[in-house]
Amino acid sequence: MNFIYILEKEFHKKATYTMIPMHNGDVYKTWTDIYQLKKNYDYLPTIDIEFGIH
């Protein structure tokens, strides 16, 4: 919902969506691990999502 809020704020428009129950196979939570990007490519993101969408 935070991502939707950021989009609404950027586009100055209220999103239209319908909340439905989760389906079998939907992922409840995920955790991003960028360790391999840092290790293999010396990459560390510096732009936050809100600035990046803008």
PDB file of N, CA and C in Angstrom:
ATOM      1  N   MET A   1       0.824  -1.192   0.000  1.00  0.00           N
ATOM      2  CA  MET A   1       0.000   0.000   0.000  1.00  0.00           C
ATOM      3  C   MET A   1       0.870   1.258   0.000  1.00  0.00           C
ATOM      4  N   ASN A   2       2.059   1.159   0.562  1.00  0.00           N
ATOM      5  CA  ASN A   2       2.962   2.305   0.556  1.00  0.00           C
ATOM      6  C   ASN A   2       3.338   2.682  -0.876  1.00  0.00           C
ATOM      7  N   PHE A   3       3.586   1.686  -1.721  1.00  0.00           N
ATOM      8  CA  PHE A   3       3.926   1.930  -3.117  1.00  0.00           C
ATOM      9  C   PHE A   3       2.766   2.641  -3.829  1.00  0.00           C
ATOM     10  N   ILE A   4       1.535   2.201  -3.577  1.00  0.00           N
ATOM     11  CA  ILE A   4       0.359   2.833  -4.186  1.00  0.00           C
ATOM     12  C   ILE A   4       0.254   4.283  -3.714  1.00  0.00           C
ATOM     13  N   TYR A   5       0.479   4.516  -2.428  1.00  0.00           N
ATOM     14  CA  TYR A   5       0.439   5.875  -1.899  1.00  0.00           C
ATOM     15  C   TYR A   5       1.455   6.774  -2.607  1.00  0.00           C
ATOM     16  N   ILE A   6       2.657   6.277  -2.816  1.00  0.00           N
ATOM     17  CA  ILE A   6       3.697   7.057  -3.495  1.00  0.00           C
ATOM     18  C   ILE A   6       3.258   7.394  -4.924  1.00  0.00           C
ATOM     19  N   LEU A   7       2.669   6.420  -5.623  1.00  0.00           N
ATOM     20  CA  LEU A   7       2.186   6.681  -6.989  1.00  0.00           C
ATOM     21  C   LEU A   7       1.063   7.712  -6.987  1.00  0.00           C
ATOM     22  N   GLU A   8       0.128   7.585  -6.046  1.00  0.00           N
ATOM     23  CA  GLU A   8      -0.966   8.552  -5.955  1.00  0.00           C
ATOM     24  C   GLU A   8      -0.420   9.959  -5.743  1.00  0.00           C
ATOM     25  N   LYS A   9       0.540  10.067  -4.866  1.00  0.00           N
ATOM     26  CA  LYS A   9       1.137  11.363  -4.559  1.00  0.00           C
ATOM     27  C   LYS A   9       1.837  11.952  -5.788  1.00  0.00           C
ATOM     28  N   GLU A  10       2.570  11.134  -6.503  1.00  0.00           N
ATOM     29  CA  GLU A  10       3.315  11.607  -7.668  1.00  0.00           C
ATOM     30  C   GLU A  10       2.395  12.021  -8.820  1.00  0.00           C
ATOM     31  N   PHE A  11       1.333  11.231  -9.048  1.00  0.00           N
ATOM     32  CA  PHE A  11       0.428  11.510 -10.162  1.00  0.00           C
ATOM     33  C   PHE A  11      -0.723  12.439  -9.781  1.00  0.00           C
ATOM     34  N   HIS A  12      -0.805  12.804  -8.480  1.00  0.00           N
ATOM     35  CA  HIS A  12      -1.888  13.674  -7.997  1.00  0.00           C
ATOM     36  C   HIS A  12      -3.250  13.100  -8.362  1.00  0.00           C
ATOM     37  N   LYS A  13      -3.359  11.800  -8.179  1.00  0.00           N
ATOM     38  CA  LYS A  13      -4.603  11.120  -8.531  1.00  0.00           C
ATOM     39  C   LYS A  13      -4.815   9.954  -7.581  1.00  0.00           C
ATOM     40  N   LYS A  14      -6.043   9.760  -7.146  1.00  0.00           N
ATOM     41  CA  LYS A  14      -6.387   8.661  -6.256  1.00  0.00           C
ATOM     42  C   LYS A  14      -6.496   7.375  -7.061  1.00  0.00           C
ATOM     43  N   ALA A  15      -5.835   6.339  -6.615  1.00  0.00           N
ATOM     44  CA  ALA A  15      -5.886   5.045  -7.303  1.00  0.00           C
ATOM     45  C   ALA A  15      -7.232   4.378  -7.053  1.00  0.00           C
ATOM     46  N   THR A  16      -7.681   3.640  -8.039  1.00  0.00           N
ATOM     47  CA  THR A  16      -8.878   2.826  -7.905  1.00  0.00           C
ATOM     48  C   THR A  16      -8.434   1.375  -7.838  1.00  0.00           C
ATOM     49  N   TYR A  17      -8.769   0.705  -6.766  1.00  0.00           N
ATOM     50  CA  TYR A  17      -8.368  -0.690  -6.610  1.00  0.00           C
ATOM     51  C   TYR A  17      -9.399  -1.429  -5.779  1.00  0.00           C
ATOM     52  N   THR A  18      -9.376  -2.728  -5.881  1.00  0.00           N
ATOM     53  CA  THR A  18     -10.262  -3.596  -5.120  1.00  0.00           C
ATOM     54  C   THR A  18      -9.418  -4.579  -4.330  1.00  0.00           C
ATOM     55  N   MET A  19      -9.590  -4.576  -3.021  1.00  0.00           N
ATOM     56  CA  MET A  19      -8.857  -5.515  -2.174  1.00  0.00           C
ATOM     57  C   MET A  19      -9.579  -6.867  -2.230  1.00  0.00           C
ATOM     58  N   ILE A  20      -8.846  -7.910  -2.556  1.00  0.00           N
ATOM     59  CA  ILE A  20      -9.411  -9.252  -2.606  1.00  0.00           C
ATOM     60  C   ILE A  20      -8.557 -10.167  -1.732  1.00  0.00           C
ATOM     61  N   PRO A  21      -9.108 -11.299  -1.311  1.00  0.00           N
ATOM     62  CA  PRO A  21      -8.307 -12.222  -0.502  1.00  0.00           C
ATOM     63  C   PRO A  21      -7.117 -12.753  -1.297  1.00  0.00           C
ATOM     64  N   MET A  22      -6.087 -13.127  -0.568  1.00  0.00           N
ATOM     65  CA  MET A  22      -4.911 -13.695  -1.217  1.00  0.00           C
ATOM     66  C   MET A  22      -5.261 -15.031  -1.858  1.00  0.00           C
ATOM     67  N   HIS A  23      -4.596 -15.332  -2.956  1.00  0.00           N
ATOM     68  CA  HIS A  23      -4.781 -16.598  -3.648  1.00  0.00           C
ATOM     69  C   HIS A  23      -3.697 -17.577  -3.213  1.00  0.00           C
ATOM     70  N   ASN A  24      -3.938 -18.862  -3.448  1.00  0.00           N
ATOM     71  CA  ASN A  24      -2.898 -19.858  -3.179  1.00  0.00           C
ATOM     72  C   ASN A  24      -1.664 -19.490  -3.982  1.00  0.00           C
ATOM     73  N   GLY A  25      -0.529 -19.506  -3.341  1.00  0.00           N
ATOM     74  CA  GLY A  25       0.718 -19.182  -4.016  1.00  0.00           C
ATOM     75  C   GLY A  25       1.129 -17.725  -3.896  1.00  0.00           C
ATOM     76  N   ASP A  26       0.228 -16.834  -3.437  1.00  0.00           N
ATOM     77  CA  ASP A  26       0.615 -15.441  -3.219  1.00  0.00           C
ATOM     78  C   ASP A  26       1.646 -15.371  -2.096  1.00  0.00           C
ATOM     79  N   VAL A  27       2.589 -14.486  -2.229  1.00  0.00           N
ATOM     80  CA  VAL A  27       3.639 -14.330  -1.227  1.00  0.00           C
ATOM     81  C   VAL A  27       3.212 -13.245  -0.237  1.00  0.00           C
ATOM     82  N   TYR A  28       3.153 -13.603   1.038  1.00  0.00           N
ATOM     83  CA  TYR A  28       2.706 -12.671   2.072  1.00  0.00           C
ATOM     84  C   TYR A  28       3.745 -11.577   2.327  1.00  0.00           C
ATOM     85  N   LYS A  29       5.004 -11.959   2.444  1.00  0.00           N
ATOM     86  CA  LYS A  29       6.092 -11.011   2.684  1.00  0.00           C
ATOM     87  C   LYS A  29       7.322 -11.445   1.920  1.00  0.00           C
ATOM     88  N   THR A  30       8.121 -10.473   1.528  1.00  0.00           N
ATOM     89  CA  THR A  30       9.415 -10.773   0.916  1.00  0.00           C
ATOM     90  C   THR A  30      10.456  -9.847   1.523  1.00  0.00           C
ATOM     91  N   TRP A  31      11.673 -10.282   1.490  1.00  0.00           N
ATOM     92  CA  TRP A  31      12.787  -9.460   1.947  1.00  0.00           C
ATOM     93  C   TRP A  31      13.816  -9.439   0.834  1.00  0.00           C
ATOM     94  N   THR A  32      14.160  -8.263   0.402  1.00  0.00           N
ATOM     95  CA  THR A  32      15.153  -8.124  -0.655  1.00  0.00           C
ATOM     96  C   THR A  32      16.546  -8.230  -0.060  1.00  0.00           C
ATOM     97  N   ASP A  33      17.383  -9.012  -0.708  1.00  0.00           N
ATOM     98  CA  ASP A  33      18.775  -9.146  -0.289  1.00  0.00           C
ATOM     99  C   ASP A  33      19.648  -8.808  -1.485  1.00  0.00           C
ATOM    100  N   ILE A  34      20.327  -7.669  -1.412  1.00  0.00           N
ATOM    101  CA  ILE A  34      21.155  -7.236  -2.537  1.00  0.00           C
ATOM    102  C   ILE A  34      22.625  -7.584  -2.318  1.00  0.00           C
ATOM    103  N   TYR A  35      22.887  -8.517  -1.442  1.00  0.00           N
ATOM    104  CA  TYR A  35      24.263  -8.913  -1.143  1.00  0.00           C
ATOM    105  C   TYR A  35      25.041  -9.294  -2.404  1.00  0.00           C
ATOM    106  N   GLN A  36      24.439 -10.105  -3.273  1.00  0.00           N
ATOM    107  CA  GLN A  36      25.130 -10.553  -4.489  1.00  0.00           C
ATOM    108  C   GLN A  36      25.443  -9.375  -5.419  1.00  0.00           C
ATOM    109  N   LEU A  37      24.530  -8.406  -5.515  1.00  0.00           N
ATOM    110  CA  LEU A  37      24.808  -7.221  -6.331  1.00  0.00           C
ATOM    111  C   LEU A  37      26.006  -6.452  -5.780  1.00  0.00           C
ATOM    112  N   LYS A  38      26.045  -6.295  -4.468  1.00  0.00           N
ATOM    113  CA  LYS A  38      27.162  -5.585  -3.850  1.00  0.00           C
ATOM    114  C   LYS A  38      28.461  -6.364  -4.032  1.00  0.00           C
ATOM    115  N   LYS A  39      28.409  -7.672  -3.792  1.00  0.00           N
ATOM    116  CA  LYS A  39      29.602  -8.510  -3.869  1.00  0.00           C
ATOM    117  C   LYS A  39      30.150  -8.603  -5.297  1.00  0.00           C
ATOM    118  N   ASN A  40      29.282  -8.904  -6.255  1.00  0.00           N
ATOM    119  CA  ASN A  40      29.724  -9.170  -7.624  1.00  0.00           C
ATOM    120  C   ASN A  40      29.924  -7.917  -8.474  1.00  0.00           C
ATOM    121  N   TYR A  41      29.163  -6.870  -8.191  1.00  0.00           N
ATOM    122  CA  TYR A  41      29.206  -5.684  -9.057  1.00  0.00           C
ATOM    123  C   TYR A  41      29.524  -4.397  -8.304  1.00  0.00           C
ATOM    124  N   ASP A  42      29.778  -4.516  -7.012  1.00  0.00           N
ATOM    125  CA  ASP A  42      30.037  -3.350  -6.166  1.00  0.00           C
ATOM    126  C   ASP A  42      28.925  -2.313  -6.328  1.00  0.00           C
ATOM    127  N   TYR A  43      27.685  -2.791  -6.401  1.00  0.00           N
ATOM    128  CA  TYR A  43      26.525  -1.922  -6.599  1.00  0.00           C
ATOM    129  C   TYR A  43      25.768  -1.759  -5.289  1.00  0.00           C
ATOM    130  N   LEU A  44      25.499  -0.534  -4.932  1.00  0.00           N
ATOM    131  CA  LEU A  44      24.697  -0.229  -3.768  1.00  0.00           C
ATOM    132  C   LEU A  44      23.755   0.910  -4.149  1.00  0.00           C
ATOM    133  N   PRO A  45      22.444   0.649  -4.199  1.00  0.00           N
ATOM    134  CA  PRO A  45      21.510   1.693  -4.616  1.00  0.00           C
ATOM    135  C   PRO A  45      21.541   2.888  -3.663  1.00  0.00           C
ATOM    136  N   THR A  46      21.418   4.063  -4.220  1.00  0.00           N
ATOM    137  CA  THR A  46      21.436   5.279  -3.411  1.00  0.00           C
ATOM    138  C   THR A  46      20.183   6.123  -3.607  1.00  0.00           C
ATOM    139  N   ILE A  47      19.330   5.745  -4.527  1.00  0.00           N
ATOM    140  CA  ILE A  47      18.096   6.488  -4.810  1.00  0.00           C
ATOM    141  C   ILE A  47      16.929   5.802  -4.109  1.00  0.00           C
ATOM    142  N   ASP A  48      16.166   6.562  -3.308  1.00  0.00           N
ATOM    143  CA  ASP A  48      15.002   5.946  -2.672  1.00  0.00           C
ATOM    144  C   ASP A  48      13.849   5.870  -3.672  1.00  0.00           C
ATOM    145  N   ILE A  49      12.870   5.042  -3.373  1.00  0.00           N
ATOM    146  CA  ILE A  49      11.779   4.745  -4.314  1.00  0.00           C
ATOM    147  C   ILE A  49      10.987   6.002  -4.670  1.00  0.00           C
ATOM    148  N   GLU A  50      10.751   6.856  -3.702  1.00  0.00           N
ATOM    149  CA  GLU A  50       9.964   8.054  -3.962  1.00  0.00           C
ATOM    150  C   GLU A  50      10.675   8.989  -4.951  1.00  0.00           C
ATOM    151  N   PHE A  51      11.951   9.195  -4.769  1.00  0.00           N
ATOM    152  CA  PHE A  51      12.720  10.038  -5.694  1.00  0.00           C
ATOM    153  C   PHE A  51      12.811   9.371  -7.060  1.00  0.00           C
ATOM    154  N   GLY A  52      13.006   8.056  -7.077  1.00  0.00           N
ATOM    155  CA  GLY A  52      13.118   7.325  -8.336  1.00  0.00           C
ATOM    156  C   GLY A  52      11.856   7.388  -9.169  1.00  0.00           C
ATOM    157  N   ILE A  53      10.696   7.313  -8.532  1.00  0.00           N
ATOM    158  CA  ILE A  53       9.430   7.389  -9.270  1.00  0.00           C
ATOM    159  C   ILE A  53       9.240   8.792  -9.821  1.00  0.00           C
ATOM    160  N   HIS A  54       9.639   9.782  -9.058  1.00  0.00           N
ATOM    161  CA  HIS A  54       9.512  11.175  -9.517  1.00  0.00           C
ATOM    162  C   HIS A  54      10.318  11.372 -10.793  1.00  0.00           C
TER     163      HIS A  54
END
